[in-house]
Amino acid sequence: VQLQASGGGLVQAGGSLRLSCAVSGRTLGRYSMGWFRQAPGKEREFVSAINWSDGSPFYADSVKGRVAISRDNAKNTMYLQMNSLKPEDTAVYYCAVRLSGFLRDYRSYDYWGQGTQVTVSS
């Protein structure tokens, strides 16, 4: 399974970005996909996740109300629309696939993309 994340960039505070994560490779059964982020010197942090089968979304409290996760089954692609960005959102954002385990724990995820940098200037 390969994941390709894209869409990061430099944006001013209050701006928006849309991240994408394309999945390819072998067919998976029931799974979820998630977005995590990691700032320098900090642990990888849960941002959002989605159950692929029914589209149920999950969000970290720190981003709730500012981001929206979605997926396109036909394109095998997951999206993260981020609005009202803050400087504290600056991090490398990773997408990942989880087959089982605790949804908000990065250690439960089995496959990872390469990450895309998001930088929010004040």
PDB file of N, CA and C in Angstrom:
ATOM      1  N   VAL A   1       0.851  -1.192   0.000  1.00  0.00           N
ATOM      2  CA  VAL A   1       0.000   0.000   0.000  1.00  0.00           C
ATOM      3  C   VAL A   1       0.890   1.246   0.000  1.00  0.00           C
ATOM      4  N   GLN A   2       0.606   2.161  -0.907  1.00  0.00           N
ATOM      5  CA  GLN A   2       1.379   3.404  -0.991  1.00  0.00           C
ATOM      6  C   GLN A   2       0.440   4.594  -0.806  1.00  0.00           C
ATOM      7  N   LEU A   3       0.921   5.568  -0.061  1.00  0.00           N
ATOM      8  CA  LEU A   3       0.167   6.783   0.167  1.00  0.00           C
ATOM      9  C   LEU A   3       0.986   7.978  -0.310  1.00  0.00           C
ATOM     10  N   GLN A   4       0.329   8.876  -0.996  1.00  0.00           N
ATOM     11  CA  GLN A   4       0.993  10.070  -1.512  1.00  0.00           C
ATOM     12  C   GLN A   4       0.247  11.292  -1.021  1.00  0.00           C
ATOM     13  N   ALA A   5       0.885  12.041  -0.120  1.00  0.00           N
ATOM     14  CA  ALA A   5       0.270  13.255   0.424  1.00  0.00           C
ATOM     15  C   ALA A   5       0.726  14.471  -0.379  1.00  0.00           C
ATOM     16  N   SER A   6      -0.170  15.425  -0.503  1.00  0.00           N
ATOM     17  CA  SER A   6       0.162  16.661  -1.221  1.00  0.00           C
ATOM     18  C   SER A   6      -0.738  17.787  -0.728  1.00  0.00           C
ATOM     19  N   GLY A   7      -0.413  19.004  -1.147  1.00  0.00           N
ATOM     20  CA  GLY A   7      -1.271  20.142  -0.845  1.00  0.00           C
ATOM     21  C   GLY A   7      -0.749  21.092   0.210  1.00  0.00           C
ATOM     22  N   GLY A   8       0.366  20.757   0.845  1.00  0.00           N
ATOM     23  CA  GLY A   8       0.910  21.652   1.847  1.00  0.00           C
ATOM     24  C   GLY A   8       1.472  22.912   1.216  1.00  0.00           C
ATOM     25  N   GLY A   9       1.858  23.843   2.075  1.00  0.00           N
ATOM     26  CA  GLY A   9       2.429  25.084   1.575  1.00  0.00           C
ATOM     27  C   GLY A   9       2.531  26.129   2.657  1.00  0.00           C
ATOM     28  N   LEU A  10       2.844  27.340   2.231  1.00  0.00           N
ATOM     29  CA  LEU A  10       2.959  28.480   3.135  1.00  0.00           C
ATOM     30  C   LEU A  10       1.709  29.339   2.998  1.00  0.00           C
ATOM     31  N   VAL A  11       1.096  29.656   4.131  1.00  0.00           N
ATOM     32  CA  VAL A  11      -0.139  30.442   4.114  1.00  0.00           C
ATOM     33  C   VAL A  11      -0.130  31.383   5.308  1.00  0.00           C
ATOM     34  N   GLN A  12      -0.788  32.494   5.167  1.00  0.00           N
ATOM     35  CA  GLN A  12      -0.903  33.424   6.286  1.00  0.00           C
ATOM     36  C   GLN A  12      -1.967  32.944   7.266  1.00  0.00           C
ATOM     37  N   ALA A  13      -1.819  33.385   8.497  1.00  0.00           N
ATOM     38  CA  ALA A  13      -2.824  33.061   9.516  1.00  0.00           C
ATOM     39  C   ALA A  13      -4.203  33.492   9.030  1.00  0.00           C
ATOM     40  N   GLY A  14      -5.177  32.615   9.254  1.00  0.00           N
ATOM     41  CA  GLY A  14      -6.524  32.862   8.782  1.00  0.00           C
ATOM     42  C   GLY A  14      -6.811  32.291   7.415  1.00  0.00           C
ATOM     43  N   GLY A  15      -5.767  31.828   6.745  1.00  0.00           N
ATOM     44  CA  GLY A  15      -5.928  31.273   5.407  1.00  0.00           C
ATOM     45  C   GLY A  15      -6.372  29.827   5.420  1.00  0.00           C
ATOM     46  N   SER A  16      -6.408  29.242   4.228  1.00  0.00           N
ATOM     47  CA  SER A  16      -6.899  27.870   4.056  1.00  0.00           C
ATOM     48  C   SER A  16      -5.950  27.066   3.195  1.00  0.00           C
ATOM     49  N   LEU A  17      -5.973  25.765   3.425  1.00  0.00           N
ATOM     50  CA  LEU A  17      -5.254  24.802   2.586  1.00  0.00           C
ATOM     51  C   LEU A  17      -6.093  23.543   2.486  1.00  0.00           C
ATOM     52  N   ARG A  18      -5.906  22.828   1.396  1.00  0.00           N
ATOM     53  CA  ARG A  18      -6.566  21.539   1.230  1.00  0.00           C
ATOM     54  C   ARG A  18      -5.496  20.488   0.971  1.00  0.00           C
ATOM     55  N   LEU A  19      -5.390  19.539   1.878  1.00  0.00           N
ATOM     56  CA  LEU A  19      -4.445  18.449   1.728  1.00  0.00           C
ATOM     57  C   LEU A  19      -5.138  17.269   1.057  1.00  0.00           C
ATOM     58  N   SER A  20      -4.357  16.536   0.277  1.00  0.00           N
ATOM     59  CA  SER A  20      -4.867  15.339  -0.382  1.00  0.00           C
ATOM     60  C   SER A  20      -3.957  14.171  -0.050  1.00  0.00           C
ATOM     61  N   CYS A  21      -4.538  12.981  -0.048  1.00  0.00           N
ATOM     62  CA  CYS A  21      -3.765  11.760   0.172  1.00  0.00           C
ATOM     63  C   CYS A  21      -4.322  10.682  -0.742  1.00  0.00           C
ATOM     64  N   ALA A  22      -3.544  10.312  -1.732  1.00  0.00           N
ATOM     65  CA  ALA A  22      -3.955   9.284  -2.676  1.00  0.00           C
ATOM     66  C   ALA A  22      -3.403   7.933  -2.238  1.00  0.00           C
ATOM     67  N   VAL A  23      -4.251   6.920  -2.274  1.00  0.00           N
ATOM     68  CA  VAL A  23      -3.882   5.579  -1.838  1.00  0.00           C
ATOM     69  C   VAL A  23      -3.832   4.655  -3.050  1.00  0.00           C
ATOM     70  N   SER A  24      -2.801   3.843  -3.124  1.00  0.00           N
ATOM     71  CA  SER A  24      -2.687   2.869  -4.206  1.00  0.00           C
ATOM     72  C   SER A  24      -2.106   1.580  -3.646  1.00  0.00           C
ATOM     73  N   GLY A  25      -2.202   0.531  -4.437  1.00  0.00           N
ATOM     74  CA  GLY A  25      -1.668  -0.748  -4.000  1.00  0.00           C
ATOM     75  C   GLY A  25      -2.772  -1.762  -3.779  1.00  0.00           C
ATOM     76  N   ARG A  26      -2.531  -2.704  -2.912  1.00  0.00           N
ATOM     77  CA  ARG A  26      -3.452  -3.816  -2.740  1.00  0.00           C
ATOM     78  C   ARG A  26      -4.765  -3.360  -2.124  1.00  0.00           C
ATOM     79  N   THR A  27      -5.803  -4.100  -2.391  1.00  0.00           N
ATOM     80  CA  THR A  27      -7.117  -3.778  -1.859  1.00  0.00           C
ATOM     81  C   THR A  27      -7.162  -4.080  -0.368  1.00  0.00           C
ATOM     82  N   LEU A  28      -7.680  -3.147   0.378  1.00  0.00           N
ATOM     83  CA  LEU A  28      -7.800  -3.304   1.821  1.00  0.00           C
ATOM     84  C   LEU A  28      -9.224  -3.656   2.197  1.00  0.00           C
ATOM     85  N   GLY A  29      -9.389  -4.280   3.342  1.00  0.00           N
ATOM     86  CA  GLY A  29     -10.719  -4.564   3.838  1.00  0.00           C
ATOM     87  C   GLY A  29     -11.268  -3.365   4.582  1.00  0.00           C
ATOM     88  N   ARG A  30     -11.836  -3.591   5.762  1.00  0.00           N
ATOM     89  CA  ARG A  30     -12.328  -2.481   6.567  1.00  0.00           C
ATOM     90  C   ARG A  30     -11.134  -1.725   7.131  1.00  0.00           C
ATOM     91  N   TYR A  31     -11.114  -0.422   6.915  1.00  0.00           N
ATOM     92  CA  TYR A  31     -10.012   0.360   7.432  1.00  0.00           C
ATOM     93  C   TYR A  31     -10.433   1.805   7.623  1.00  0.00           C
ATOM     94  N   SER A  32      -9.573   2.527   8.277  1.00  0.00           N
ATOM     95  CA  SER A  32      -9.753   3.967   8.442  1.00  0.00           C
ATOM     96  C   SER A  32      -8.513   4.662   7.925  1.00  0.00           C
ATOM     97  N   MET A  33      -8.671   5.916   7.629  1.00  0.00           N
ATOM     98  CA  MET A  33      -7.522   6.731   7.237  1.00  0.00           C
ATOM     99  C   MET A  33      -7.465   7.952   8.129  1.00  0.00           C
ATOM    100  N   GLY A  34      -6.263   8.397   8.390  1.00  0.00           N
ATOM    101  CA  GLY A  34      -6.116   9.523   9.294  1.00  0.00           C
ATOM    102  C   GLY A  34      -5.065  10.510   8.853  1.00  0.00           C
ATOM    103  N   TRP A  35      -5.149  11.674   9.455  1.00  0.00           N
ATOM    104  CA  TRP A  35      -4.135  12.712   9.300  1.00  0.00           C
ATOM    105  C   TRP A  35      -3.492  12.958  10.661  1.00  0.00           C
ATOM    106  N   PHE A  36      -2.194  12.984  10.652  1.00  0.00           N
ATOM    107  CA  PHE A  36      -1.423  13.329  11.835  1.00  0.00           C
ATOM    108  C   PHE A  36      -0.484  14.465  11.468  1.00  0.00           C
ATOM    109  N   ARG A  37       0.016  15.144  12.469  1.00  0.00           N
ATOM    110  CA  ARG A  37       0.993  16.188  12.212  1.00  0.00           C
ATOM    111  C   ARG A  37       2.093  16.127  13.255  1.00  0.00           C
ATOM    112  N   GLN A  38       3.239  16.623  12.837  1.00  0.00           N
ATOM    113  CA  GLN A  38       4.385  16.617  13.746  1.00  0.00           C
ATOM    114  C   GLN A  38       5.181  17.889  13.556  1.00  0.00           C
ATOM    115  N   ALA A  39       5.257  18.654  14.627  1.00  0.00           N
ATOM    116  CA  ALA A  39       6.066  19.868  14.635  1.00  0.00           C
ATOM    117  C   ALA A  39       7.450  19.519  15.181  1.00  0.00           C
ATOM    118  N   PRO A  40       8.470  20.310  14.868  1.00  0.00           N
ATOM    119  CA  PRO A  40       9.822  20.027  15.354  1.00  0.00           C
ATOM    120  C   PRO A  40       9.874  19.897  16.871  1.00  0.00           C
ATOM    121  N   GLY A  41      10.463  18.804  17.332  1.00  0.00           N
ATOM    122  CA  GLY A  41      10.623  18.588  18.771  1.00  0.00           C
ATOM    123  C   GLY A  41       9.385  18.091  19.480  1.00  0.00           C
ATOM    124  N   LYS A  42       8.328  17.823  18.718  1.00  0.00           N
ATOM    125  CA  LYS A  42       7.082  17.362  19.335  1.00  0.00           C
ATOM    126  C   LYS A  42       6.707  15.983  18.809  1.00  0.00           C
ATOM    127  N   GLU A  43       5.861  15.306  19.574  1.00  0.00           N
ATOM    128  CA  GLU A  43       5.391  13.986  19.176  1.00  0.00           C
ATOM    129  C   GLU A  43       4.342  14.121  18.072  1.00  0.00           C
ATOM    130  N   ARG A  44       4.236  13.076  17.282  1.00  0.00           N
ATOM    131  CA  ARG A  44       3.223  13.060  16.232  1.00  0.00           C
ATOM    132  C   ARG A  44       1.840  13.141  16.876  1.00  0.00           C
ATOM    133  N   GLU A  45       0.992  13.997  16.313  1.00  0.00           N
ATOM    134  CA  GLU A  45      -0.285  14.349  16.939  1.00  0.00           C
ATOM    135  C   GLU A  45      -1.450  14.018  16.013  1.00  0.00           C
ATOM    136  N   PHE A  46      -2.481  13.436  16.557  1.00  0.00           N
ATOM    137  CA  PHE A  46      -3.692  13.139  15.795  1.00  0.00           C
ATOM    138  C   PHE A  46      -4.394  14.431  15.385  1.00  0.00           C
ATOM    139  N   VAL A  47      -4.835  14.492  14.132  1.00  0.00           N
ATOM    140  CA  VAL A  47      -5.587  15.639  13.629  1.00  0.00           C
ATOM    141  C   VAL A  47      -7.021  15.232  13.289  1.00  0.00           C
ATOM    142  N   SER A  48      -7.138  14.206  12.473  1.00  0.00           N
ATOM    143  CA  SER A  48      -8.460  13.809  12.006  1.00  0.00           C
ATOM    144  C   SER A  48      -8.377  12.413  11.397  1.00  0.00           C
ATOM    145  N   ALA A  49      -9.524  11.739  11.336  1.00  0.00           N
ATOM    146  CA  ALA A  49      -9.583  10.430  10.712  1.00  0.00           C
ATOM    147  C   ALA A  49     -10.975  10.216  10.132  1.00  0.00           C
ATOM    148  N   ILE A  50     -11.050   9.229   9.248  1.00  0.00           N
ATOM    149  CA  ILE A  50     -12.328   8.928   8.606  1.00  0.00           C
ATOM    150  C   ILE A  50     -12.436   7.436   8.374  1.00  0.00           C
ATOM    151  N   ASN A  51     -13.608   6.889   8.678  1.00  0.00           N
ATOM    152  CA  ASN A  51     -13.872   5.495   8.340  1.00  0.00           C
ATOM    153  C   ASN A  51     -14.186   5.415   6.857  1.00  0.00           C
ATOM    154  N   TRP A  52     -13.424   4.593   6.162  1.00  0.00           N
ATOM    155  CA  TRP A  52     -13.580   4.574   4.712  1.00  0.00           C
ATOM    156  C   TRP A  52     -14.950   4.056   4.274  1.00  0.00           C
ATOM    157  N   SER A  53     -15.516   3.135   5.038  1.00  0.00           N
ATOM    158  CA  SER A  53     -16.766   2.499   4.618  1.00  0.00           C
ATOM    159  C   SER A  53     -17.949   3.455   4.665  1.00  0.00           C
ATOM    160  N   ASP A  54     -18.069   4.215   5.755  1.00  0.00           N
ATOM    161  CA  ASP A  54     -19.258   5.054   5.885  1.00  0.00           C
ATOM    162  C   ASP A  54     -18.952   6.542   5.962  1.00  0.00           C
ATOM    163  N   GLY A  55     -17.679   6.893   5.925  1.00  0.00           N
ATOM    164  CA  GLY A  55     -17.317   8.299   5.926  1.00  0.00           C
ATOM    165  C   GLY A  55     -17.414   8.991   7.272  1.00  0.00           C
ATOM    166  N   SER A  56     -17.566   8.243   8.343  1.00  0.00           N
ATOM    167  CA  SER A  56     -17.660   8.867   9.661  1.00  0.00           C
ATOM    168  C   SER A  56     -16.368   9.601   9.987  1.00  0.00           C
ATOM    169  N   PRO A  57     -16.459  10.890  10.337  1.00  0.00           N
ATOM    170  CA  PRO A  57     -15.264  11.680  10.622  1.00  0.00           C
ATOM    171  C   PRO A  57     -14.959  11.760  12.116  1.00  0.00           C
ATOM    172  N   PHE A  58     -13.716  11.989  12.419  1.00  0.00           N
ATOM    173  CA  PHE A  58     -13.269  12.178  13.788  1.00  0.00           C
ATOM    174  C   PHE A  58     -12.254  13.320  13.780  1.00  0.00           C
ATOM    175  N   TYR A  59     -12.298  14.150  14.816  1.00  0.00           N
ATOM    176  CA  TYR A  59     -11.425  15.309  14.853  1.00  0.00           C
ATOM    177  C   TYR A  59     -10.789  15.482  16.222  1.00  0.00           C
ATOM    178  N   ALA A  60      -9.582  16.005  16.219  1.00  0.00           N
ATOM    179  CA  ALA A  60      -8.957  16.432  17.461  1.00  0.00           C
ATOM    180  C   ALA A  60      -9.625  17.725  17.915  1.00  0.00           C
ATOM    181  N   ASP A  61      -9.678  17.925  19.210  1.00  0.00           N
ATOM    182  CA  ASP A  61     -10.304  19.142  19.743  1.00  0.00           C
ATOM    183  C   ASP A  61      -9.609  20.404  19.228  1.00  0.00           C
ATOM    184  N   SER A  62      -8.321  20.293  18.990  1.00  0.00           N
ATOM    185  CA  SER A  62      -7.544  21.462  18.583  1.00  0.00           C
ATOM    186  C   SER A  62      -7.908  21.977  17.191  1.00  0.00           C
ATOM    187  N   VAL A  63      -8.538  21.145  16.379  1.00  0.00           N
ATOM    188  CA  VAL A  63      -8.869  21.561  15.010  1.00  0.00           C
ATOM    189  C   VAL A  63     -10.370  21.511  14.730  1.00  0.00           C
ATOM    190  N   LYS A  64     -11.143  20.996  15.664  1.00  0.00           N
ATOM    191  CA  LYS A  64     -12.586  20.848  15.448  1.00  0.00           C
ATOM    192  C   LYS A  64     -13.209  22.196  15.114  1.00  0.00           C
ATOM    193  N   GLY A  65     -14.031  22.198  14.072  1.00  0.00           N
ATOM    194  CA  GLY A  65     -14.663  23.431  13.638  1.00  0.00           C
ATOM    195  C   GLY A  65     -13.863  24.194  12.600  1.00  0.00           C
ATOM    196  N   ARG A  66     -12.605  23.797  12.412  1.00  0.00           N
ATOM    197  CA  ARG A  66     -11.745  24.487  11.440  1.00  0.00           C
ATOM    198  C   ARG A  66     -11.342  23.592  10.291  1.00  0.00           C
ATOM    199  N   VAL A  67     -11.482  22.292  10.451  1.00  0.00           N
ATOM    200  CA  VAL A  67     -11.078  21.369   9.398  1.00  0.00           C
ATOM    201  C   VAL A  67     -12.230  20.428   9.064  1.00  0.00           C
ATOM    202  N   ALA A  68     -12.162  19.908   7.854  1.00  0.00           N
ATOM    203  CA  ALA A  68     -13.160  18.932   7.414  1.00  0.00           C
ATOM    204  C   ALA A  68     -12.453  17.830   6.636  1.00  0.00           C
ATOM    205  N   ILE A  69     -12.694  16.595   7.046  1.00  0.00           N
ATOM    206  CA  ILE A  69     -12.090  15.456   6.370  1.00  0.00           C
ATOM    207  C   ILE A  69     -13.129  14.824   5.445  1.00  0.00           C
ATOM    208  N   SER A  70     -12.668  14.335   4.326  1.00  0.00           N
ATOM    209  CA  SER A  70     -13.587  13.695   3.388  1.00  0.00           C
ATOM    210  C   SER A  70     -12.810  12.677   2.560  1.00  0.00           C
ATOM    211  N   ARG A  71     -13.564  11.862   1.810  1.00  0.00           N
ATOM    212  CA  ARG A  71     -12.878  10.919   0.936  1.00  0.00           C
ATOM    213  C   ARG A  71     -13.677  10.739  -0.343  1.00  0.00           C
ATOM    214  N   ASP A  72     -12.951  10.358  -1.378  1.00  0.00           N
ATOM    215  CA  ASP A  72     -13.539  10.073  -2.684  1.00  0.00           C
ATOM    216  C   ASP A  72     -13.229   8.614  -2.979  1.00  0.00           C
ATOM    217  N   ASN A  73     -14.249   7.781  -2.863  1.00  0.00           N
ATOM    218  CA  ASN A  73     -14.033   6.344  -3.051  1.00  0.00           C
ATOM    219  C   ASN A  73     -13.519   6.022  -4.451  1.00  0.00           C
ATOM    220  N   ALA A  74     -14.061   6.689  -5.426  1.00  0.00           N
ATOM    221  CA  ALA A  74     -13.691   6.392  -6.816  1.00  0.00           C
ATOM    222  C   ALA A  74     -12.230   6.718  -7.089  1.00  0.00           C
ATOM    223  N   LYS A  75     -11.731   7.740  -6.424  1.00  0.00           N
ATOM    224  CA  LYS A  75     -10.345   8.156  -6.644  1.00  0.00           C
ATOM    225  C   LYS A  75      -9.395   7.598  -5.593  1.00  0.00           C
ATOM    226  N   ASN A  76      -9.934   6.872  -4.605  1.00  0.00           N
ATOM    227  CA  ASN A  76      -9.113   6.369  -3.493  1.00  0.00           C
ATOM    228  C   ASN A  76      -8.272   7.489  -2.880  1.00  0.00           C
ATOM    229  N   THR A  77      -8.929   8.590  -2.645  1.00  0.00           N
ATOM    230  CA  THR A  77      -8.236   9.768  -2.149  1.00  0.00           C
ATOM    231  C   THR A  77      -8.974  10.347  -0.947  1.00  0.00           C
ATOM    232  N   MET A  78      -8.188  10.764   0.016  1.00  0.00           N
ATOM    233  CA  MET A  78      -8.708  11.415   1.216  1.00  0.00           C
ATOM    234  C   MET A  78      -8.285  12.880   1.192  1.00  0.00           C
ATOM    235  N   TYR A  79      -9.127  13.735   1.746  1.00  0.00           N
ATOM    236  CA  TYR A  79      -8.850  15.161   1.756  1.00  0.00           C
ATOM    237  C   TYR A  79      -8.958  15.719   3.175  1.00  0.00           C
ATOM    238  N   LEU A  80      -8.224  16.794   3.406  1.00  0.00           N
ATOM    239  CA  LEU A  80      -8.359  17.534   4.647  1.00  0.00           C
ATOM    240  C   LEU A  80      -8.421  19.014   4.299  1.00  0.00           C
ATOM    241  N   GLN A  81      -9.611  19.573   4.413  1.00  0.00           N
ATOM    242  CA  GLN A  81      -9.793  20.998   4.185  1.00  0.00           C
ATOM    243  C   GLN A  81      -9.533  21.728   5.497  1.00  0.00           C
ATOM    244  N   MET A  82      -8.555  22.606   5.486  1.00  0.00           N
ATOM    245  CA  MET A  82      -8.176  23.319   6.699  1.00  0.00           C
ATOM    246  C   MET A  82      -8.439  24.813   6.509  1.00  0.00           C
ATOM    247  N   ASN A  83      -9.245  25.373   7.392  1.00  0.00           N
ATOM    248  CA  ASN A  83      -9.592  26.786   7.344  1.00  0.00           C
ATOM    249  C   ASN A  83      -9.153  27.486   8.624  1.00  0.00           C
ATOM    250  N   SER A  84      -9.165  28.807   8.582  1.00  0.00           N
ATOM    251  CA  SER A  84      -8.806  29.604   9.760  1.00  0.00           C
ATOM    252  C   SER A  84      -7.506  29.107  10.384  1.00  0.00           C
ATOM    253  N   LEU A  85      -6.521  28.893   9.539  1.00  0.00           N
ATOM    254  CA  LEU A  85      -5.251  28.337  10.012  1.00  0.00           C
ATOM    255  C   LEU A  85      -4.545  29.274  10.977  1.00  0.00           C
ATOM    256  N   LYS A  86      -3.859  28.665  11.940  1.00  0.00           N
ATOM    257  CA  LYS A  86      -3.129  29.396  12.967  1.00  0.00           C
ATOM    258  C   LYS A  86      -1.650  29.032  12.893  1.00  0.00           C
ATOM    259  N   PRO A  87      -0.783  29.879  13.389  1.00  0.00           N
ATOM    260  CA  PRO A  87       0.646  29.540  13.397  1.00  0.00           C
ATOM    261  C   PRO A  87       0.935  28.216  14.102  1.00  0.00           C
ATOM    262  N   GLU A  88       0.151  27.881  15.107  1.00  0.00           N
ATOM    263  CA  GLU A  88       0.370  26.616  15.824  1.00  0.00           C
ATOM    264  C   GLU A  88      -0.034  25.393  15.006  1.00  0.00           C
ATOM    265  N   ASP A  89      -0.628  25.597  13.861  1.00  0.00           N
ATOM    266  CA  ASP A  89      -0.921  24.487  12.951  1.00  0.00           C
ATOM    267  C   ASP A  89       0.296  24.115  12.110  1.00  0.00           C
ATOM    268  N   THR A  90       1.340  24.884  12.197  1.00  0.00           N
ATOM    269  CA  THR A  90       2.553  24.613  11.428  1.00  0.00           C
ATOM    270  C   THR A  90       3.157  23.271  11.827  1.00  0.00           C
ATOM    271  N   ALA A  91       3.345  22.403  10.844  1.00  0.00           N
ATOM    272  CA  ALA A  91       3.869  21.059  11.090  1.00  0.00           C
ATOM    273  C   ALA A  91       3.987  20.336   9.755  1.00  0.00           C
ATOM    274  N   VAL A  92       4.607  19.173   9.809  1.00  0.00           N
ATOM    275  CA  VAL A  92       4.538  18.247   8.683  1.00  0.00           C
ATOM    276  C   VAL A  92       3.291  17.392   8.899  1.00  0.00           C
ATOM    277  N   TYR A  93       2.468  17.320   7.877  1.00  0.00           N
ATOM    278  CA  TYR A  93       1.226  16.573   7.962  1.00  0.00           C
ATOM    279  C   TYR A  93       1.388  15.243   7.231  1.00  0.00           C
ATOM    280  N   TYR A  94       1.008  14.176   7.925  1.00  0.00           N
ATOM    281  CA  TYR A  94       1.121  12.830   7.374  1.00  0.00           C
ATOM    282  C   TYR A  94      -0.260  12.199   7.244  1.00  0.00           C
ATOM    283  N   CYS A  95      -0.443  11.445   6.180  1.00  0.00           N
ATOM    284  CA  CYS A  95      -1.647  10.634   6.075  1.00  0.00           C
ATOM    285  C   CYS A  95      -1.256   9.173   6.306  1.00  0.00           C
ATOM    286  N   ALA A  96      -2.217   8.411   6.785  1.00  0.00           N
ATOM    287  CA  ALA A  96      -1.918   7.032   7.153  1.00  0.00           C
ATOM    288  C   ALA A  96      -3.171   6.178   7.072  1.00  0.00           C
ATOM    289  N   VAL A  97      -2.948   4.885   6.985  1.00  0.00           N
ATOM    290  CA  VAL A  97      -4.022   3.888   6.946  1.00  0.00           C
ATOM    291  C   VAL A  97      -3.963   3.036   8.204  1.00  0.00           C
ATOM    292  N   ARG A  98      -5.123   2.847   8.814  1.00  0.00           N
ATOM    293  CA  ARG A  98      -5.220   2.040  10.019  1.00  0.00           C
ATOM    294  C   ARG A  98      -6.139   0.844   9.767  1.00  0.00           C
ATOM    295  N   LEU A  99      -5.661  -0.344  10.084  1.00  0.00           N
ATOM    296  CA  LEU A  99      -6.471  -1.552   9.920  1.00  0.00           C
ATOM    297  C   LEU A  99      -7.173  -1.942  11.202  1.00  0.00           C
ATOM    298  N   SER A 100      -6.580  -1.627  12.336  1.00  0.00           N
ATOM    299  CA  SER A 100      -7.191  -1.937  13.624  1.00  0.00           C
ATOM    300  C   SER A 100      -6.504  -1.090  14.683  1.00  0.00           C
ATOM    301  N   GLY A 101      -7.022  -1.163  15.915  1.00  0.00           N
ATOM    302  CA  GLY A 101      -6.402  -0.426  17.003  1.00  0.00           C
ATOM    303  C   GLY A 101      -7.075   0.908  17.251  1.00  0.00           C
ATOM    304  N   PHE A 102      -6.527   1.645  18.193  1.00  0.00           N
ATOM    305  CA  PHE A 102      -7.086   2.911  18.613  1.00  0.00           C
ATOM    306  C   PHE A 102      -6.923   3.968  17.536  1.00  0.00           C
ATOM    307  N   LEU A 103      -8.002   4.554  17.126  1.00  0.00           N
ATOM    308  CA  LEU A 103      -8.008   5.436  15.967  1.00  0.00           C
ATOM    309  C   LEU A 103      -7.142   6.681  16.150  1.00  0.00           C
ATOM    310  N   ARG A 104      -7.054   7.198  17.362  1.00  0.00           N
ATOM    311  CA  ARG A 104      -6.340   8.454  17.590  1.00  0.00           C
ATOM    312  C   ARG A 104      -4.859   8.254  17.951  1.00  0.00           C
ATOM    313  N   ASP A 105      -4.411   7.019  17.934  1.00  0.00           N
ATOM    314  CA  ASP A 105      -3.035   6.701  18.305  1.00  0.00           C
ATOM    315  C   ASP A 105      -2.230   6.401  17.046  1.00  0.00           C
ATOM    316  N   TYR A 106      -1.207   7.164  16.771  1.00  0.00           N
ATOM    317  CA  TYR A 106      -0.435   6.967  15.538  1.00  0.00           C
ATOM    318  C   TYR A 106       0.190   5.576  15.481  1.00  0.00           C
ATOM    319  N   ARG A 107       0.391   4.949  16.637  1.00  0.00           N
ATOM    320  CA  ARG A 107       1.001   3.618  16.652  1.00  0.00           C
ATOM    321  C   ARG A 107       0.059   2.537  16.122  1.00  0.00           C
ATOM    322  N   SER A 108      -1.221   2.873  15.949  1.00  0.00           N
ATOM    323  CA  SER A 108      -2.181   1.912  15.399  1.00  0.00           C
ATOM    324  C   SER A 108      -2.170   1.880  13.878  1.00  0.00           C
ATOM    325  N   TYR A 109      -1.470   2.812  13.262  1.00  0.00           N
ATOM    326  CA  TYR A 109      -1.524   2.949  11.813  1.00  0.00           C
ATOM    327  C   TYR A 109      -0.434   2.129  11.144  1.00  0.00           C
ATOM    328  N   ASP A 110      -0.810   1.515  10.026  1.00  0.00           N
ATOM    329  CA  ASP A 110       0.048   0.521   9.394  1.00  0.00           C
ATOM    330  C   ASP A 110       0.837   1.046   8.194  1.00  0.00           C
ATOM    331  N   TYR A 111       0.257   1.998   7.499  1.00  0.00           N
ATOM    332  CA  TYR A 111       0.897   2.520   6.298  1.00  0.00           C
ATOM    333  C   TYR A 111       0.894   4.049   6.376  1.00  0.00           C
ATOM    334  N   TRP A 112       2.001   4.646   5.921  1.00  0.00           N
ATOM    335  CA  TRP A 112       2.172   6.085   6.044  1.00  0.00           C
ATOM    336  C   TRP A 112       2.607   6.702   4.728  1.00  0.00           C
ATOM    337  N   GLY A 113       2.147   7.917   4.506  1.00  0.00           N
ATOM    338  CA  GLY A 113       2.651   8.709   3.400  1.00  0.00           C
ATOM    339  C   GLY A 113       3.914   9.445   3.818  1.00  0.00           C
ATOM    340  N   GLN A 114       4.472  10.202   2.888  1.00  0.00           N
ATOM    341  CA  GLN A 114       5.764  10.819   3.119  1.00  0.00           C
ATOM    342  C   GLN A 114       5.676  12.146   3.865  1.00  0.00           C
ATOM    343  N   GLY A 115       4.496  12.718   4.008  1.00  0.00           N
ATOM    344  CA  GLY A 115       4.338  13.978   4.713  1.00  0.00           C
ATOM    345  C   GLY A 115       4.367  15.170   3.779  1.00  0.00           C
ATOM    346  N   THR A 116       3.636  16.191   4.169  1.00  0.00           N
ATOM    347  CA  THR A 116       3.620  17.445   3.416  1.00  0.00           C
ATOM    348  C   THR A 116       3.681  18.599   4.427  1.00  0.00           C
ATOM    349  N   GLN A 117       4.545  19.559   4.142  1.00  0.00           N
ATOM    350  CA  GLN A 117       4.793  20.648   5.087  1.00  0.00           C
ATOM    351  C   GLN A 117       3.695  21.709   4.993  1.00  0.00           C
ATOM    352  N   VAL A 118       3.177  22.070   6.158  1.00  0.00           N
ATOM    353  CA  VAL A 118       2.240  23.189   6.259  1.00  0.00           C
ATOM    354  C   VAL A 118       2.880  24.240   7.153  1.00  0.00           C
ATOM    355  N   THR A 119       3.026  25.438   6.647  1.00  0.00           N
ATOM    356  CA  THR A 119       3.606  26.533   7.412  1.00  0.00           C
ATOM    357  C   THR A 119       2.627  27.694   7.423  1.00  0.00           C
ATOM    358  N   VAL A 120       2.274  28.139   8.626  1.00  0.00           N
ATOM    359  CA  VAL A 120       1.329  29.238   8.774  1.00  0.00           C
ATOM    360  C   VAL A 120       2.065  30.416   9.392  1.00  0.00           C
ATOM    361  N   SER A 121       2.131  31.499   8.670  1.00  0.00           N
ATOM    362  CA  SER A 121       2.835  32.680   9.163  1.00  0.00           C
ATOM    363  C   SER A 121       1.867  33.611   9.895  1.00  0.00           C
ATOM    364  N   SER A 122       2.392  34.306  10.876  1.00  0.00           N
ATOM    365  CA  SER A 122       1.542  35.211  11.680  1.00  0.00           C
ATOM    366  C   SER A 122       1.516  36.612  11.094  1.00  0.00           C
TER     367      SER A 122
END
